[in-house]
């Protein structure tokens, strides 16, 4: 009997201590932090995509210019 009361009291106490964490997902502060993190992540991704496309386009542009120059010279 005391063992089952101990288990029940552990369950009740843990639910009381963990309930604020469960409610944190619904708080306005939590939502605002998630929105700001998502915005920062999207900006970082767009910056990285732009840098990657610039890096791949720069060699292509120079090769196009060198081809045009070679055609012009011949």
PDB file of N, CA and C in Angstrom:
ATOM      1  N   UNK A   1       0.816  -1.196   0.000  1.00  0.00           N
ATOM      2  CA  UNK A   1       0.000   0.000   0.000  1.00  0.00           C
ATOM      3  C   UNK A   1       0.862   1.263   0.000  1.00  0.00           C
ATOM      4  N   UNK A   2       1.906   1.276   0.806  1.00  0.00           N
ATOM      5  CA  UNK A   2       2.754   2.467   0.854  1.00  0.00           C
ATOM      6  C   UNK A   2       3.537   2.631  -0.456  1.00  0.00           C
ATOM      7  N   UNK A   3       3.851   1.514  -1.100  1.00  0.00           N
ATOM      8  CA  UNK A   3       4.564   1.570  -2.384  1.00  0.00           C
ATOM      9  C   UNK A   3       3.690   2.240  -3.449  1.00  0.00           C
ATOM     10  N   UNK A   4       2.422   1.855  -3.514  1.00  0.00           N
ATOM     11  CA  UNK A   4       1.528   2.453  -4.507  1.00  0.00           C
ATOM     12  C   UNK A   4       1.260   3.921  -4.185  1.00  0.00           C
ATOM     13  N   UNK A   5       1.203   4.279  -2.895  1.00  0.00           N
ATOM     14  CA  UNK A   5       1.048   5.684  -2.523  1.00  0.00           C
ATOM     15  C   UNK A   5       2.294   6.478  -2.928  1.00  0.00           C
ATOM     16  N   UNK A   6       3.457   5.879  -2.793  1.00  0.00           N
ATOM     17  CA  UNK A   6       4.699   6.537  -3.204  1.00  0.00           C
ATOM     18  C   UNK A   6       4.719   6.778  -4.690  1.00  0.00           C
ATOM     19  N   UNK A   7       4.299   5.788  -5.464  1.00  0.00           N
ATOM     20  CA  UNK A   7       4.247   5.934  -6.925  1.00  0.00           C
ATOM     21  C   UNK A   7       3.240   7.011  -7.302  1.00  0.00           C
ATOM     22  N   UNK A   8       2.103   7.008  -6.665  1.00  0.00           N
ATOM     23  CA  UNK A   8       1.064   8.003  -6.964  1.00  0.00           C
ATOM     24  C   UNK A   8       1.553   9.410  -6.605  1.00  0.00           C
ATOM     25  N   UNK A   9       2.230   9.539  -5.474  1.00  0.00           N
ATOM     26  CA  UNK A   9       2.708  10.861  -5.084  1.00  0.00           C
ATOM     27  C   UNK A   9       3.813  11.350  -6.018  1.00  0.00           C
ATOM     28  N   UNK A  10       4.666  10.465  -6.492  1.00  0.00           N
ATOM     29  CA  UNK A  10       5.692  10.844  -7.476  1.00  0.00           C
ATOM     30  C   UNK A  10       5.035  11.305  -8.761  1.00  0.00           C
ATOM     31  N   UNK A  11       4.018  10.614  -9.188  1.00  0.00           N
ATOM     32  CA  UNK A  11       3.304  11.005 -10.399  1.00  0.00           C
ATOM     33  C   UNK A  11       2.660  12.378 -10.239  1.00  0.00           C
ATOM     34  N   UNK A  12       1.996  12.616  -9.126  1.00  0.00           N
ATOM     35  CA  UNK A  12       1.331  13.898  -8.879  1.00  0.00           C
ATOM     36  C   UNK A  12       2.348  15.028  -8.800  1.00  0.00           C
ATOM     37  N   UNK A  13       3.420  14.820  -8.075  1.00  0.00           N
ATOM     38  CA  UNK A  13       4.433  15.863  -7.941  1.00  0.00           C
ATOM     39  C   UNK A  13       5.125  16.164  -9.271  1.00  0.00           C
ATOM     40  N   UNK A  14       5.432  15.125 -10.030  1.00  0.00           N
ATOM     41  CA  UNK A  14       6.091  15.363 -11.320  1.00  0.00           C
ATOM     42  C   UNK A  14       5.159  16.098 -12.274  1.00  0.00           C
ATOM     43  N   UNK A  15       3.879  15.785 -12.237  1.00  0.00           N
ATOM     44  CA  UNK A  15       2.950  16.505 -13.110  1.00  0.00           C
ATOM     45  C   UNK A  15       2.810  17.958 -12.685  1.00  0.00           C
ATOM     46  N   UNK A  16       2.883  18.224 -11.384  1.00  0.00           N
ATOM     47  CA  UNK A  16       2.823  19.610 -10.919  1.00  0.00           C
ATOM     48  C   UNK A  16       4.068  20.397 -11.323  1.00  0.00           C
ATOM     49  N   UNK A  17       5.219  19.756 -11.239  1.00  0.00           N
ATOM     50  CA  UNK A  17       6.457  20.452 -11.598  1.00  0.00           C
ATOM     51  C   UNK A  17       6.613  20.630 -13.101  1.00  0.00           C
ATOM     52  N   UNK A  18       6.097  19.694 -13.878  1.00  0.00           N
ATOM     53  CA  UNK A  18       6.288  19.756 -15.326  1.00  0.00           C
ATOM     54  C   UNK A  18       5.174  20.488 -16.056  1.00  0.00           C
ATOM     55  N   UNK A  19       4.086  20.797 -15.400  1.00  0.00           N
ATOM     56  CA  UNK A  19       2.982  21.473 -16.078  1.00  0.00           C
ATOM     57  C   UNK A  19       3.361  22.863 -16.599  1.00  0.00           C
ATOM     58  N   UNK A  20       4.197  23.662 -15.905  1.00  0.00           N
ATOM     59  CA  UNK A  20       4.591  24.951 -16.502  1.00  0.00           C
ATOM     60  C   UNK A  20       5.364  24.778 -17.807  1.00  0.00           C
ATOM     61  N   UNK A  21       6.131  23.710 -17.913  1.00  0.00           N
ATOM     62  CA  UNK A  21       6.860  23.482 -19.158  1.00  0.00           C
ATOM     63  C   UNK A  21       5.911  23.139 -20.293  1.00  0.00           C
ATOM     64  N   UNK A  22       4.871  22.392 -19.983  1.00  0.00           N
ATOM     65  CA  UNK A  22       3.892  22.051 -21.010  1.00  0.00           C
ATOM     66  C   UNK A  22       3.114  23.283 -21.452  1.00  0.00           C
ATOM     67  N   UNK A  23       2.845  24.173 -20.532  1.00  0.00           N
ATOM     68  CA  UNK A  23       2.100  25.379 -20.867  1.00  0.00           C
ATOM     69  C   UNK A  23       2.975  26.416 -21.573  1.00  0.00           C
ATOM     70  N   UNK A  24       4.284  26.277 -21.496  1.00  0.00           N
ATOM     71  CA  UNK A  24       5.188  27.245 -22.113  1.00  0.00           C
ATOM     72  C   UNK A  24       5.001  27.304 -23.618  1.00  0.00           C
ATOM     73  N   UNK A  25       4.611  26.188 -24.227  1.00  0.00           N
ATOM     74  CA  UNK A  25       4.414  26.177 -25.672  1.00  0.00           C
ATOM     75  C   UNK A  25       3.284  27.098 -26.096  1.00  0.00           C
ATOM     76  N   UNK A  26       2.365  27.382 -25.203  1.00  0.00           N
ATOM     77  CA  UNK A  26       1.230  28.206 -25.541  1.00  0.00           C
ATOM     78  C   UNK A  26       1.419  29.667 -25.145  1.00  0.00           C
ATOM     79  N   UNK A  27       2.493  29.987 -24.451  1.00  0.00           N
ATOM     80  CA  UNK A  27       2.678  31.370 -23.999  1.00  0.00           C
ATOM     81  C   UNK A  27       3.106  32.258 -25.165  1.00  0.00           C
ATOM     82  N   UNK A  28       2.768  33.536 -25.047  1.00  0.00           N
ATOM     83  CA  UNK A  28       3.097  34.495 -26.108  1.00  0.00           C
ATOM     84  C   UNK A  28       4.607  34.687 -26.243  1.00  0.00           C
ATOM     85  N   UNK A  29       5.321  34.616 -25.128  1.00  0.00           N
ATOM     86  CA  UNK A  29       6.774  34.761 -25.171  1.00  0.00           C
ATOM     87  C   UNK A  29       7.397  33.623 -25.950  1.00  0.00           C
ATOM     88  N   UNK A  30       6.921  32.418 -25.700  1.00  0.00           N
ATOM     89  CA  UNK A  30       7.443  31.250 -26.393  1.00  0.00           C
ATOM     90  C   UNK A  30       7.184  31.354 -27.895  1.00  0.00           C
ATOM     91  N   UNK A  31       5.984  31.776 -28.251  1.00  0.00           N
ATOM     92  CA  UNK A  31       5.626  31.922 -29.665  1.00  0.00           C
ATOM     93  C   UNK A  31       6.489  32.993 -30.321  1.00  0.00           C
ATOM     94  N   UNK A  32       6.703  34.107 -29.628  1.00  0.00           N
ATOM     95  CA  UNK A  32       7.517  35.191 -30.194  1.00  0.00           C
ATOM     96  C   UNK A  32       8.963  34.755 -30.383  1.00  0.00           C
ATOM     97  N   UNK A  33       9.494  33.997 -29.444  1.00  0.00           N
ATOM     98  CA  UNK A  33      10.865  33.503 -29.593  1.00  0.00           C
ATOM     99  C   UNK A  33      10.982  32.553 -30.766  1.00  0.00           C
ATOM    100  N   UNK A  34       9.995  31.690 -30.937  1.00  0.00           N
ATOM    101  CA  UNK A  34      10.024  30.765 -32.070  1.00  0.00           C
ATOM    102  C   UNK A  34       9.944  31.504 -33.398  1.00  0.00           C
ATOM    103  N   UNK A  35       9.133  32.547 -33.457  1.00  0.00           N
ATOM    104  CA  UNK A  35       9.015  33.333 -34.689  1.00  0.00           C
ATOM    105  C   UNK A  35      10.338  34.027 -35.004  1.00  0.00           C
ATOM    106  N   UNK A  36      10.974  34.594 -33.989  1.00  0.00           N
ATOM    107  CA  UNK A  36      12.248  35.277 -34.238  1.00  0.00           C
ATOM    108  C   UNK A  36      13.332  34.295 -34.647  1.00  0.00           C
ATOM    109  N   UNK A  37      13.336  33.116 -34.060  1.00  0.00           N
ATOM    110  CA  UNK A  37      14.311  32.096 -34.468  1.00  0.00           C
ATOM    111  C   UNK A  37      14.074  31.642 -35.898  1.00  0.00           C
ATOM    112  N   UNK A  38      12.810  31.456 -36.257  1.00  0.00           N
ATOM    113  CA  UNK A  38      12.488  31.025 -37.620  1.00  0.00           C
ATOM    114  C   UNK A  38      12.884  32.094 -38.629  1.00  0.00           C
ATOM    115  N   UNK A  39      12.644  33.361 -38.300  1.00  0.00           N
ATOM    116  CA  UNK A  39      13.014  34.455 -39.190  1.00  0.00           C
ATOM    117  C   UNK A  39      14.528  34.534 -39.370  1.00  0.00           C
ATOM    118  N   UNK A  40      15.253  34.411 -38.277  1.00  0.00           N
ATOM    119  CA  UNK A  40      16.719  34.447 -38.361  1.00  0.00           C
ATOM    120  C   UNK A  40      17.237  33.276 -39.181  1.00  0.00           C
ATOM    121  N   UNK A  41      16.635  32.104 -39.008  1.00  0.00           N
ATOM    122  CA  UNK A  41      17.062  30.930 -39.772  1.00  0.00           C
ATOM    123  C   UNK A  41      16.800  31.125 -41.264  1.00  0.00           C
ATOM    124  N   UNK A  42      15.626  31.665 -41.606  1.00  0.00           N
ATOM    125  CA  UNK A  42      15.312  31.890 -43.021  1.00  0.00           C
ATOM    126  C   UNK A  42      16.256  32.921 -43.642  1.00  0.00           C
ATOM    127  N   UNK A  43      16.589  33.980 -42.896  1.00  0.00           N
ATOM    128  CA  UNK A  43      17.529  34.973 -43.412  1.00  0.00           C
ATOM    129  C   UNK A  43      18.903  34.359 -43.636  1.00  0.00           C
ATOM    130  N   UNK A  44      19.324  33.529 -42.700  1.00  0.00           N
ATOM    131  CA  UNK A  44      20.619  32.867 -42.838  1.00  0.00           C
ATOM    132  C   UNK A  44      20.619  31.938 -44.052  1.00  0.00           C
ATOM    133  N   UNK A  45      19.529  31.206 -44.240  1.00  0.00           N
ATOM    134  CA  UNK A  45      19.446  30.302 -45.390  1.00  0.00           C
ATOM    135  C   UNK A  45      19.474  31.077 -46.707  1.00  0.00           C
ATOM    136  N   UNK A  46      18.767  32.202 -46.762  1.00  0.00           N
ATOM    137  CA  UNK A  46      18.762  32.982 -48.003  1.00  0.00           C
ATOM    138  C   UNK A  46      20.141  33.587 -48.267  1.00  0.00           C
ATOM    139  N   UNK A  47      20.843  34.020 -47.207  1.00  0.00           N
ATOM    140  CA  UNK A  47      22.203  34.534 -47.379  1.00  0.00           C
ATOM    141  C   UNK A  47      23.134  33.445 -47.904  1.00  0.00           C
ATOM    142  N   UNK A  48      23.025  32.262 -47.337  1.00  0.00           N
ATOM    143  CA  UNK A  48      23.879  31.160 -47.771  1.00  0.00           C
ATOM    144  C   UNK A  48      23.563  30.751 -49.212  1.00  0.00           C
ATOM    145  N   UNK A  49      22.292  30.763 -49.576  1.00  0.00           N
ATOM    146  CA  UNK A  49      21.902  30.435 -50.947  1.00  0.00           C
ATOM    147  C   UNK A  49      22.435  31.481 -51.920  1.00  0.00           C
ATOM    148  N   UNK A  50      22.350  32.757 -51.536  1.00  0.00           N
ATOM    149  CA  UNK A  50      22.856  33.822 -52.400  1.00  0.00           C
ATOM    150  C   UNK A  50      24.360  33.712 -52.575  1.00  0.00           C
ATOM    151  N   UNK A  51      25.076  33.426 -51.489  1.00  0.00           N
ATOM    152  CA  UNK A  51      26.530  33.273 -51.585  1.00  0.00           C
ATOM    153  C   UNK A  51      26.904  32.081 -52.453  1.00  0.00           C
ATOM    154  N   UNK A  52      26.163  30.991 -52.312  1.00  0.00           N
ATOM    155  CA  UNK A  52      26.457  29.802 -53.114  1.00  0.00           C
ATOM    156  C   UNK A  52      26.180  30.057 -54.593  1.00  0.00           C
ATOM    157  N   UNK A  53      25.090  30.765 -54.887  1.00  0.00           N
ATOM    158  CA  UNK A  53      24.795  31.049 -56.294  1.00  0.00           C
ATOM    159  C   UNK A  53      25.802  32.031 -56.875  1.00  0.00           C
ATOM    160  N   UNK A  54      26.268  32.994 -56.083  1.00  0.00           N
ATOM    161  CA  UNK A  54      27.309  33.911 -56.556  1.00  0.00           C
ATOM    162  C   UNK A  54      28.605  33.171 -56.834  1.00  0.00           C
ATOM    163  N   UNK A  55      28.919  32.219 -55.976  1.00  0.00           N
ATOM    164  CA  UNK A  55      30.158  31.463 -56.142  1.00  0.00           C
ATOM    165  C   UNK A  55      30.108  30.593 -57.397  1.00  0.00           C
ATOM    166  N   UNK A  56      28.942  30.062 -57.724  1.00  0.00           N
ATOM    167  CA  UNK A  56      28.847  29.225 -58.920  1.00  0.00           C
ATOM    168  C   UNK A  56      28.697  30.061 -60.177  1.00  0.00           C
ATOM    169  N   UNK A  57      28.108  31.255 -60.076  1.00  0.00           N
ATOM    170  CA  UNK A  57      27.922  32.096 -61.255  1.00  0.00           C
ATOM    171  C   UNK A  57      29.180  32.855 -61.630  1.00  0.00           C
ATOM    172  N   UNK A  58      30.013  33.185 -60.683  1.00  0.00           N
ATOM    173  CA  UNK A  58      31.226  33.946 -60.979  1.00  0.00           C
ATOM    174  C   UNK A  58      32.158  33.192 -61.937  1.00  0.00           C
ATOM    175  N   UNK A  59      32.464  31.913 -61.706  1.00  0.00           N
ATOM    176  CA  UNK A  59      33.304  31.207 -62.679  1.00  0.00           C
ATOM    177  C   UNK A  59      32.620  31.045 -64.031  1.00  0.00           C
ATOM    178  N   UNK A  60      31.302  30.869 -64.043  1.00  0.00           N
ATOM    179  CA  UNK A  60      30.586  30.727 -65.304  1.00  0.00           C
ATOM    180  C   UNK A  60      30.647  32.022 -66.097  1.00  0.00           C
ATOM    181  N   UNK A  61      30.523  33.142 -65.428  1.00  0.00           N
ATOM    182  CA  UNK A  61      30.561  34.435 -66.115  1.00  0.00           C
ATOM    183  C   UNK A  61      31.934  34.678 -66.729  1.00  0.00           C
ATOM    184  N   UNK A  62      32.991  34.325 -66.003  1.00  0.00           N
ATOM    185  CA  UNK A  62      34.319  34.540 -66.550  1.00  0.00           C
ATOM    186  C   UNK A  62      34.588  33.607 -67.720  1.00  0.00           C
ATOM    187  N   UNK A  63      34.055  32.384 -67.682  1.00  0.00           N
ATOM    188  CA  UNK A  63      34.262  31.475 -68.806  1.00  0.00           C
ATOM    189  C   UNK A  63      33.474  31.934 -70.021  1.00  0.00           C
ATOM    190  N   UNK A  64      32.307  32.513 -69.823  1.00  0.00           N
ATOM    191  CA  UNK A  64      31.532  33.057 -70.941  1.00  0.00           C
ATOM    192  C   UNK A  64      32.274  34.233 -71.564  1.00  0.00           C
ATOM    193  N   UNK A  65      32.848  35.085 -70.715  1.00  0.00           N
ATOM    194  CA  UNK A  65      33.601  36.218 -71.238  1.00  0.00           C
ATOM    195  C   UNK A  65      34.844  35.757 -71.983  1.00  0.00           C
ATOM    196  N   UNK A  66      35.515  34.719 -71.468  1.00  0.00           N
ATOM    197  CA  UNK A  66      36.713  34.233 -72.162  1.00  0.00           C
ATOM    198  C   UNK A  66      36.353  33.571 -73.487  1.00  0.00           C
ATOM    199  N   UNK A  67      35.215  32.903 -73.538  1.00  0.00           N
ATOM    200  CA  UNK A  67      34.762  32.324 -74.820  1.00  0.00           C
ATOM    201  C   UNK A  67      34.445  33.412 -75.818  1.00  0.00           C
ATOM    202  N   UNK A  68      33.780  34.451 -75.360  1.00  0.00           N
ATOM    203  CA  UNK A  68      33.442  35.558 -76.249  1.00  0.00           C
ATOM    204  C   UNK A  68      34.709  36.238 -76.763  1.00  0.00           C
ATOM    205  N   UNK A  69      35.683  36.390 -75.895  1.00  0.00           N
ATOM    206  CA  UNK A  69      36.965  36.998 -76.289  1.00  0.00           C
ATOM    207  C   UNK A  69      37.684  36.085 -77.281  1.00  0.00           C
ATOM    208  N   UNK A  70      37.631  34.784 -77.059  1.00  0.00           N
ATOM    209  CA  UNK A  70      38.307  33.850 -77.971  1.00  0.00           C
ATOM    210  C   UNK A  70      37.651  33.866 -79.341  1.00  0.00           C
ATOM    211  N   UNK A  71      36.324  33.944 -79.387  1.00  0.00           N
ATOM    212  CA  UNK A  71      35.627  34.008 -80.645  1.00  0.00           C
ATOM    213  C   UNK A  71      35.922  35.318 -81.372  1.00  0.00           C
ATOM    214  N   UNK A  72      36.053  36.369 -80.601  1.00  0.00           N
ATOM    215  CA  UNK A  72      36.329  37.677 -81.156  1.00  0.00           C
ATOM    216  C   UNK A  72      37.740  37.713 -81.773  1.00  0.00           C
ATOM    217  N   UNK A  73      38.703  37.052 -81.110  1.00  0.00           N
ATOM    218  CA  UNK A  73      40.076  37.042 -81.584  1.00  0.00           C
ATOM    219  C   UNK A  73      40.257  36.167 -82.828  1.00  0.00           C
ATOM    220  N   UNK A  74      39.417  35.158 -82.973  1.00  0.00           N
ATOM    221  CA  UNK A  74      39.615  34.255 -84.120  1.00  0.00           C
ATOM    222  C   UNK A  74      38.854  34.641 -85.325  1.00  0.00           C
TER     223      UNK A  74
END
